[in-house]
Amino acid sequence: MCLQDAARLVAERHPGGVPALAEAMKVSANTLQHKLNPNNTRHKLTMDEALAIQQASGLPFVLQAMASAMRYSCLPEVPDQSEGNPVEAFMRYQHGAGEFTASVADALLGDGPVNRNQFRRVQAFASDVMVLTGYMVEAVARRVPQQPSTDGLEG
């Protein structure tokens, strides 16, 4: 999906459409509509405006389109549920890894094709494991002693 299509999709999916989105952004609805118009070749959203429509709507479609064009993927940041406890973080990681493994096993059971729901379940648990892996790395990093700096910089 191209970035302009992604930006228009944000406006279409936002409750109240362009007028409500423009109000949330504190900009003119006419100007925003003009910038989202695919037939307008003169005035387009700036990068800051593309970020603003996503922040106001909570819909990351432009971000996802950019990442996809670069062969990257985006994961939503979710709060760490372990409250800083490394054992809890490890337990949650293992639980997530188990759910991911079970979803893959369920999808691949038998010789038949994998349906879209099974695939989405695998994707969702894979995303969870990636986020949980980040929390595990953070839990370990908190235990690394900070060395005194000899160059005046932190850490």
N, C-alpha and C. Protein backbone atom coordinates (compact mmCIF):
# COMPACT_ATOMS: atom_id res chain seq x y z
N MET A 1 0.85 -1.17 0.00
CA MET A 1 0.00 0.00 0.00
C MET A 1 0.90 1.23 0.00
N CYS A 2 0.58 2.20 -0.86
CA CYS A 2 1.38 3.42 -0.89
C CYS A 2 1.04 4.30 0.32
N LEU A 3 1.92 5.22 0.63
CA LEU A 3 1.76 6.05 1.82
C LEU A 3 0.51 6.92 1.74
N GLN A 4 0.20 7.46 0.56
CA GLN A 4 -1.00 8.29 0.42
C GLN A 4 -2.26 7.47 0.67
N ASP A 5 -2.30 6.24 0.14
CA ASP A 5 -3.45 5.37 0.38
C ASP A 5 -3.56 5.05 1.87
N ALA A 6 -2.44 4.83 2.51
CA ALA A 6 -2.44 4.53 3.95
C ALA A 6 -2.97 5.72 4.74
N ALA A 7 -2.57 6.93 4.36
CA ALA A 7 -3.04 8.13 5.05
C ALA A 7 -4.54 8.30 4.85
N ARG A 8 -5.02 8.06 3.63
CA ARG A 8 -6.46 8.16 3.37
C ARG A 8 -7.22 7.12 4.18
N LEU A 9 -6.66 5.92 4.29
CA LEU A 9 -7.30 4.86 5.06
C LEU A 9 -7.43 5.25 6.53
N VAL A 10 -6.42 5.93 7.06
CA VAL A 10 -6.50 6.42 8.45
C VAL A 10 -7.72 7.33 8.58
N ALA A 11 -7.87 8.27 7.65
CA ALA A 11 -8.99 9.22 7.71
C ALA A 11 -10.33 8.51 7.54
N GLU A 12 -10.39 7.52 6.65
CA GLU A 12 -11.64 6.79 6.42
C GLU A 12 -12.04 5.97 7.63
N ARG A 13 -11.09 5.37 8.30
CA ARG A 13 -11.38 4.49 9.44
C ARG A 13 -11.58 5.26 10.75
N HIS A 14 -11.11 6.49 10.81
CA HIS A 14 -11.26 7.29 12.03
C HIS A 14 -12.74 7.64 12.21
N PRO A 15 -13.33 7.38 13.38
CA PRO A 15 -14.73 7.73 13.60
C PRO A 15 -14.97 9.22 13.33
N GLY A 16 -15.90 9.50 12.43
CA GLY A 16 -16.18 10.89 12.08
C GLY A 16 -15.40 11.35 10.86
N GLY A 17 -14.50 10.52 10.35
CA GLY A 17 -13.76 10.82 9.14
C GLY A 17 -12.84 12.02 9.25
N VAL A 18 -12.64 12.66 8.10
CA VAL A 18 -11.71 13.79 8.01
C VAL A 18 -12.09 14.93 8.96
N PRO A 19 -13.38 15.32 9.05
CA PRO A 19 -13.69 16.44 9.96
C PRO A 19 -13.29 16.16 11.41
N ALA A 20 -13.58 14.97 11.90
CA ALA A 20 -13.23 14.64 13.29
C ALA A 20 -11.72 14.54 13.46
N LEU A 21 -11.05 13.99 12.47
CA LEU A 21 -9.59 13.87 12.54
C LEU A 21 -8.94 15.25 12.51
N ALA A 22 -9.43 16.12 11.65
CA ALA A 22 -8.90 17.49 11.57
C ALA A 22 -9.11 18.23 12.88
N GLU A 23 -10.27 18.04 13.48
CA GLU A 23 -10.55 18.69 14.77
C GLU A 23 -9.58 18.19 15.84
N ALA A 24 -9.33 16.88 15.86
CA ALA A 24 -8.40 16.31 16.84
C ALA A 24 -6.99 16.84 16.62
N MET A 25 -6.65 17.12 15.36
CA MET A 25 -5.32 17.63 15.03
C MET A 25 -5.22 19.14 15.14
N LYS A 26 -6.39 19.78 15.32
CA LYS A 26 -6.46 21.25 15.38
C LYS A 26 -5.98 21.89 14.07
N VAL A 27 -6.48 21.32 12.94
CA VAL A 27 -6.20 21.88 11.62
C VAL A 27 -7.51 22.01 10.86
N SER A 28 -7.48 22.71 9.76
CA SER A 28 -8.66 22.90 8.92
C SER A 28 -9.05 21.58 8.26
N ALA A 29 -10.33 21.23 8.35
CA ALA A 29 -10.82 20.01 7.70
C ALA A 29 -10.65 20.11 6.19
N ASN A 30 -10.88 21.30 5.62
CA ASN A 30 -10.72 21.48 4.17
C ASN A 30 -9.28 21.24 3.74
N THR A 31 -8.35 21.77 4.51
CA THR A 31 -6.93 21.59 4.17
C THR A 31 -6.54 20.12 4.26
N LEU A 32 -6.97 19.46 5.33
CA LEU A 32 -6.64 18.04 5.49
C LEU A 32 -7.27 17.23 4.36
N GLN A 33 -8.53 17.50 4.04
CA GLN A 33 -9.20 16.79 2.94
C GLN A 33 -8.44 17.00 1.63
N HIS A 34 -8.01 18.23 1.40
CA HIS A 34 -7.26 18.56 0.18
C HIS A 34 -5.95 17.76 0.12
N LYS A 35 -5.25 17.67 1.24
CA LYS A 35 -3.97 16.96 1.26
C LYS A 35 -4.15 15.44 1.12
N LEU A 36 -5.32 14.94 1.49
CA LEU A 36 -5.58 13.50 1.37
C LEU A 36 -6.20 13.13 0.02
N ASN A 37 -6.57 14.11 -0.78
CA ASN A 37 -7.21 13.89 -2.08
C ASN A 37 -6.20 13.26 -3.04
N PRO A 38 -6.49 12.06 -3.58
CA PRO A 38 -5.53 11.41 -4.48
C PRO A 38 -5.35 12.17 -5.81
N ASN A 39 -6.31 13.00 -6.17
CA ASN A 39 -6.20 13.77 -7.42
C ASN A 39 -5.39 15.05 -7.25
N ASN A 40 -5.07 15.39 -6.02
CA ASN A 40 -4.28 16.59 -5.76
C ASN A 40 -2.80 16.23 -5.86
N THR A 41 -2.13 16.83 -6.81
CA THR A 41 -0.71 16.52 -6.99
C THR A 41 0.19 17.60 -6.42
N ARG A 42 -0.41 18.67 -5.95
CA ARG A 42 0.38 19.81 -5.48
C ARG A 42 0.70 19.80 -4.00
N HIS A 43 -0.30 19.55 -3.19
CA HIS A 43 -0.13 19.62 -1.73
C HIS A 43 -0.36 18.23 -1.14
N LYS A 44 0.65 17.74 -0.46
CA LYS A 44 0.59 16.43 0.19
C LYS A 44 0.89 16.58 1.67
N LEU A 45 0.56 15.56 2.42
CA LEU A 45 0.89 15.56 3.84
C LEU A 45 2.40 15.61 4.03
N THR A 46 2.83 16.37 5.00
CA THR A 46 4.24 16.32 5.39
C THR A 46 4.42 15.09 6.28
N MET A 47 5.65 14.75 6.55
CA MET A 47 5.91 13.61 7.44
C MET A 47 5.36 13.89 8.83
N ASP A 48 5.50 15.12 9.30
CA ASP A 48 4.96 15.48 10.62
C ASP A 48 3.44 15.36 10.64
N GLU A 49 2.79 15.74 9.54
CA GLU A 49 1.33 15.62 9.47
C GLU A 49 0.91 14.16 9.40
N ALA A 50 1.67 13.34 8.70
CA ALA A 50 1.37 11.90 8.64
C ALA A 50 1.47 11.29 10.04
N LEU A 51 2.47 11.71 10.79
CA LEU A 51 2.59 11.25 12.17
C LEU A 51 1.41 11.74 13.00
N ALA A 52 1.04 13.00 12.81
CA ALA A 52 -0.05 13.60 13.60
C ALA A 52 -1.38 12.89 13.34
N ILE A 53 -1.68 12.52 12.09
CA ILE A 53 -2.97 11.85 11.85
C ILE A 53 -2.98 10.47 12.50
N GLN A 54 -1.82 9.83 12.55
CA GLN A 54 -1.75 8.52 13.20
C GLN A 54 -1.88 8.65 14.71
N GLN A 55 -1.24 9.66 15.27
CA GLN A 55 -1.33 9.87 16.72
C GLN A 55 -2.75 10.25 17.12
N ALA A 56 -3.40 11.10 16.33
CA ALA A 56 -4.76 11.54 16.66
C ALA A 56 -5.77 10.40 16.51
N SER A 57 -5.53 9.51 15.56
CA SER A 57 -6.47 8.43 15.28
C SER A 57 -6.14 7.13 16.02
N GLY A 58 -4.87 6.96 16.37
CA GLY A 58 -4.45 5.69 16.95
C GLY A 58 -4.27 4.60 15.91
N LEU A 59 -4.31 4.97 14.63
CA LEU A 59 -4.19 3.99 13.54
C LEU A 59 -2.83 4.13 12.86
N PRO A 60 -1.98 3.12 12.94
CA PRO A 60 -0.60 3.23 12.44
C PRO A 60 -0.41 2.82 10.98
N PHE A 61 -1.39 3.08 10.13
CA PHE A 61 -1.34 2.56 8.76
C PHE A 61 -0.19 3.13 7.93
N VAL A 62 0.14 4.41 8.10
CA VAL A 62 1.25 5.01 7.35
C VAL A 62 2.57 4.39 7.82
N LEU A 63 2.72 4.24 9.12
CA LEU A 63 3.91 3.61 9.69
C LEU A 63 4.07 2.20 9.13
N GLN A 64 2.98 1.45 9.10
CA GLN A 64 3.03 0.07 8.60
C GLN A 64 3.37 0.03 7.11
N ALA A 65 2.83 0.98 6.34
CA ALA A 65 3.14 1.04 4.90
C ALA A 65 4.61 1.37 4.68
N MET A 66 5.14 2.29 5.48
CA MET A 66 6.57 2.63 5.36
C MET A 66 7.43 1.41 5.71
N ALA A 67 7.10 0.76 6.80
CA ALA A 67 7.87 -0.41 7.23
C ALA A 67 7.81 -1.51 6.17
N SER A 68 6.63 -1.74 5.63
CA SER A 68 6.46 -2.78 4.61
C SER A 68 7.30 -2.47 3.37
N ALA A 69 7.34 -1.21 2.97
CA ALA A 69 8.13 -0.82 1.80
C ALA A 69 9.62 -1.08 2.01
N MET A 70 10.05 -1.06 3.27
CA MET A 70 11.45 -1.29 3.60
C MET A 70 11.71 -2.74 4.03
N ARG A 71 10.68 -3.59 3.92
CA ARG A 71 10.73 -4.99 4.32
C ARG A 71 10.98 -5.14 5.83
N TYR A 72 10.31 -4.28 6.60
CA TYR A 72 10.32 -4.35 8.06
C TYR A 72 8.90 -4.61 8.52
N SER A 73 8.74 -4.87 9.79
CA SER A 73 7.41 -4.97 10.36
C SER A 73 7.37 -4.15 11.64
N CYS A 74 6.19 -3.80 12.04
CA CYS A 74 6.00 -2.97 13.24
C CYS A 74 5.26 -3.79 14.29
N LEU A 75 5.67 -3.61 15.52
CA LEU A 75 5.00 -4.25 16.64
C LEU A 75 4.54 -3.18 17.60
N PRO A 76 3.31 -3.28 18.09
CA PRO A 76 2.89 -2.30 19.09
C PRO A 76 3.63 -2.52 20.40
N GLU A 77 3.98 -1.45 21.05
CA GLU A 77 4.62 -1.54 22.36
C GLU A 77 3.52 -1.79 23.38
N VAL A 78 3.69 -2.82 24.16
CA VAL A 78 2.71 -3.12 25.20
C VAL A 78 3.41 -3.01 26.54
N PRO A 79 2.68 -2.64 27.56
CA PRO A 79 3.32 -2.47 28.87
C PRO A 79 3.88 -3.79 29.41
N ASP A 80 5.02 -3.69 30.05
CA ASP A 80 5.64 -4.84 30.69
C ASP A 80 4.78 -5.23 31.89
N GLN A 81 4.30 -6.47 31.89
CA GLN A 81 3.43 -6.94 32.95
C GLN A 81 4.20 -7.51 34.15
N SER A 82 5.53 -7.60 34.03
CA SER A 82 6.31 -8.25 35.09
C SER A 82 6.66 -7.31 36.24
N GLU A 83 6.36 -6.04 36.09
CA GLU A 83 6.63 -5.04 37.13
C GLU A 83 8.10 -5.06 37.57
N GLY A 84 9.00 -5.31 36.63
CA GLY A 84 10.43 -5.27 36.94
C GLY A 84 10.98 -6.53 37.55
N ASN A 85 10.15 -7.52 37.80
CA ASN A 85 10.59 -8.77 38.40
C ASN A 85 11.14 -9.68 37.30
N PRO A 86 12.46 -9.97 37.30
CA PRO A 86 13.04 -10.77 36.22
C PRO A 86 12.50 -12.19 36.16
N VAL A 87 12.18 -12.79 37.29
CA VAL A 87 11.63 -14.15 37.28
C VAL A 87 10.23 -14.13 36.65
N GLU A 88 9.44 -13.13 36.97
CA GLU A 88 8.11 -12.98 36.37
C GLU A 88 8.24 -12.76 34.86
N ALA A 89 9.20 -11.93 34.45
CA ALA A 89 9.42 -11.68 33.02
C ALA A 89 9.79 -12.98 32.31
N PHE A 90 10.65 -13.78 32.94
CA PHE A 90 11.06 -15.05 32.34
C PHE A 90 9.88 -16.01 32.25
N MET A 91 9.05 -16.06 33.29
CA MET A 91 7.88 -16.93 33.28
C MET A 91 6.92 -16.52 32.17
N ARG A 92 6.70 -15.22 32.01
CA ARG A 92 5.80 -14.73 30.95
C ARG A 92 6.37 -15.03 29.57
N TYR A 93 7.69 -14.92 29.43
CA TYR A 93 8.33 -15.26 28.16
C TYR A 93 8.10 -16.73 27.83
N GLN A 94 8.34 -17.61 28.80
CA GLN A 94 8.17 -19.04 28.57
C GLN A 94 6.72 -19.38 28.24
N HIS A 95 5.79 -18.72 28.92
CA HIS A 95 4.36 -18.94 28.64
C HIS A 95 4.05 -18.50 27.20
N GLY A 96 4.57 -17.34 26.81
CA GLY A 96 4.35 -16.85 25.45
C GLY A 96 4.96 -17.77 24.40
N ALA A 97 6.16 -18.26 24.69
CA ALA A 97 6.82 -19.18 23.75
C ALA A 97 6.00 -20.46 23.61
N GLY A 98 5.43 -20.92 24.72
CA GLY A 98 4.59 -22.11 24.68
C GLY A 98 3.33 -21.90 23.85
N GLU A 99 2.70 -20.73 24.01
CA GLU A 99 1.51 -20.42 23.21
C GLU A 99 1.86 -20.34 21.72
N PHE A 100 3.01 -19.73 21.42
CA PHE A 100 3.45 -19.65 20.02
C PHE A 100 3.66 -21.05 19.46
N THR A 101 4.38 -21.89 20.20
CA THR A 101 4.66 -23.25 19.76
C THR A 101 3.37 -24.03 19.53
N ALA A 102 2.41 -23.88 20.45
CA ALA A 102 1.13 -24.57 20.30
C ALA A 102 0.37 -24.08 19.07
N SER A 103 0.43 -22.78 18.80
CA SER A 103 -0.29 -22.24 17.63
C SER A 103 0.32 -22.76 16.33
N VAL A 104 1.65 -22.87 16.29
CA VAL A 104 2.31 -23.41 15.10
C VAL A 104 1.96 -24.89 14.94
N ALA A 105 2.02 -25.64 16.03
CA ALA A 105 1.71 -27.07 15.97
C ALA A 105 0.27 -27.29 15.51
N ASP A 106 -0.66 -26.50 16.05
CA ASP A 106 -2.07 -26.62 15.63
C ASP A 106 -2.23 -26.33 14.14
N ALA A 107 -1.53 -25.30 13.66
CA ALA A 107 -1.65 -24.92 12.25
C ALA A 107 -1.08 -25.99 11.33
N LEU A 108 -0.01 -26.63 11.75
CA LEU A 108 0.68 -27.59 10.88
C LEU A 108 0.20 -29.03 11.07
N LEU A 109 -0.71 -29.24 11.99
CA LEU A 109 -1.23 -30.58 12.25
C LEU A 109 -1.90 -31.13 10.99
N GLY A 110 -1.53 -32.31 10.60
CA GLY A 110 -2.10 -32.92 9.38
C GLY A 110 -1.42 -32.40 8.13
N ASP A 111 -1.96 -32.81 6.99
CA ASP A 111 -1.36 -32.45 5.71
C ASP A 111 -2.13 -31.36 4.98
N GLY A 112 -3.25 -30.94 5.52
CA GLY A 112 -4.10 -29.96 4.84
C GLY A 112 -3.55 -28.55 4.88
N PRO A 113 -4.22 -27.66 4.17
CA PRO A 113 -3.78 -26.26 4.16
C PRO A 113 -4.04 -25.58 5.51
N VAL A 114 -3.30 -24.53 5.76
CA VAL A 114 -3.48 -23.72 6.97
C VAL A 114 -4.50 -22.64 6.64
N ASN A 115 -5.54 -22.50 7.48
CA ASN A 115 -6.54 -21.47 7.20
C ASN A 115 -6.08 -20.11 7.73
N ARG A 116 -6.75 -19.06 7.31
CA ARG A 116 -6.35 -17.69 7.67
C ARG A 116 -6.40 -17.45 9.18
N ASN A 117 -7.37 -18.03 9.86
CA ASN A 117 -7.45 -17.84 11.31
C ASN A 117 -6.26 -18.48 12.01
N GLN A 118 -5.87 -19.65 11.56
CA GLN A 118 -4.69 -20.30 12.14
C GLN A 118 -3.44 -19.45 11.89
N PHE A 119 -3.32 -18.92 10.68
CA PHE A 119 -2.16 -18.09 10.35
C PHE A 119 -2.14 -16.82 11.20
N ARG A 120 -3.30 -16.17 11.35
CA ARG A 120 -3.36 -14.95 12.19
C ARG A 120 -3.00 -15.27 13.64
N ARG A 121 -3.42 -16.43 14.11
CA ARG A 121 -3.08 -16.84 15.49
C ARG A 121 -1.57 -17.00 15.63
N VAL A 122 -0.93 -17.64 14.66
CA VAL A 122 0.53 -17.79 14.68
C VAL A 122 1.19 -16.42 14.66
N GLN A 123 0.72 -15.53 13.79
CA GLN A 123 1.30 -14.18 13.71
C GLN A 123 1.16 -13.45 15.04
N ALA A 124 0.00 -13.53 15.66
CA ALA A 124 -0.24 -12.82 16.92
C ALA A 124 0.69 -13.33 18.02
N PHE A 125 0.82 -14.65 18.14
CA PHE A 125 1.70 -15.19 19.17
C PHE A 125 3.17 -14.92 18.85
N ALA A 126 3.53 -14.89 17.57
CA ALA A 126 4.91 -14.54 17.20
C ALA A 126 5.22 -13.11 17.63
N SER A 127 4.28 -12.20 17.41
CA SER A 127 4.47 -10.81 17.84
C SER A 127 4.64 -10.73 19.35
N ASP A 128 3.81 -11.48 20.07
CA ASP A 128 3.90 -11.49 21.53
C ASP A 128 5.28 -11.96 21.98
N VAL A 129 5.79 -13.02 21.36
CA VAL A 129 7.10 -13.56 21.76
C VAL A 129 8.20 -12.53 21.49
N MET A 130 8.09 -11.79 20.39
CA MET A 130 9.10 -10.77 20.10
C MET A 130 9.11 -9.68 21.17
N VAL A 131 7.92 -9.25 21.57
CA VAL A 131 7.83 -8.22 22.61
C VAL A 131 8.35 -8.78 23.94
N LEU A 132 7.95 -10.00 24.28
CA LEU A 132 8.40 -10.63 25.52
C LEU A 132 9.91 -10.83 25.53
N THR A 133 10.49 -11.10 24.37
CA THR A 133 11.94 -11.22 24.26
C THR A 133 12.61 -9.90 24.63
N GLY A 134 12.04 -8.81 24.15
CA GLY A 134 12.56 -7.49 24.51
C GLY A 134 12.52 -7.25 26.01
N TYR A 135 11.45 -7.69 26.65
CA TYR A 135 11.36 -7.53 28.11
C TYR A 135 12.41 -8.37 28.83
N MET A 136 12.69 -9.57 28.29
CA MET A 136 13.73 -10.41 28.90
C MET A 136 15.09 -9.73 28.78
N VAL A 137 15.39 -9.17 27.62
CA VAL A 137 16.67 -8.46 27.43
C VAL A 137 16.75 -7.29 28.39
N GLU A 138 15.65 -6.56 28.55
CA GLU A 138 15.62 -5.42 29.47
C GLU A 138 15.84 -5.88 30.92
N ALA A 139 15.22 -7.01 31.29
CA ALA A 139 15.38 -7.52 32.66
C ALA A 139 16.84 -7.88 32.94
N VAL A 140 17.51 -8.47 31.96
CA VAL A 140 18.93 -8.81 32.12
C VAL A 140 19.77 -7.53 32.15
N ALA A 141 19.46 -6.59 31.28
CA ALA A 141 20.22 -5.33 31.21
C ALA A 141 20.18 -4.58 32.54
N ARG A 142 19.05 -4.66 33.24
CA ARG A 142 18.94 -3.96 34.53
C ARG A 142 19.91 -4.54 35.56
N ARG A 143 20.36 -5.76 35.35
CA ARG A 143 21.26 -6.41 36.30
C ARG A 143 22.74 -6.19 35.96
N VAL A 144 23.02 -5.56 34.82
CA VAL A 144 24.42 -5.30 34.44
C VAL A 144 24.91 -4.10 35.23
N PRO A 145 26.00 -4.28 36.00
CA PRO A 145 26.51 -3.14 36.77
C PRO A 145 27.01 -2.03 35.84
N GLN A 146 26.75 -0.82 36.22
CA GLN A 146 27.23 0.33 35.45
C GLN A 146 28.69 0.58 35.81
N GLN A 147 29.51 0.70 34.79
CA GLN A 147 30.93 0.98 35.00
C GLN A 147 31.13 2.48 35.13
N PRO A 148 32.03 2.88 36.00
CA PRO A 148 32.33 4.32 36.08
C PRO A 148 32.89 4.79 34.74
N SER A 149 32.45 5.94 34.31
CA SER A 149 32.88 6.49 33.03
C SER A 149 34.23 7.18 33.17
N THR A 150 35.11 6.93 32.22
CA THR A 150 36.41 7.61 32.21
C THR A 150 36.43 8.75 31.21
N ASP A 151 35.40 8.82 30.37
CA ASP A 151 35.37 9.87 29.35
C ASP A 151 34.31 10.94 29.62
N GLY A 152 33.67 10.88 30.78
CA GLY A 152 32.66 11.87 31.11
C GLY A 152 31.27 11.52 30.60
N LEU A 153 31.14 10.39 29.87
CA LEU A 153 29.84 9.97 29.36
C LEU A 153 29.25 8.93 30.29
N GLU A 154 27.92 8.79 30.24
CA GLU A 154 27.25 7.80 31.09
C GLU A 154 27.59 6.39 30.63
N GLY A 155 27.63 5.43 31.62
CA GLY A 155 27.77 4.01 31.35
C GLY A 155 29.00 3.65 30.65
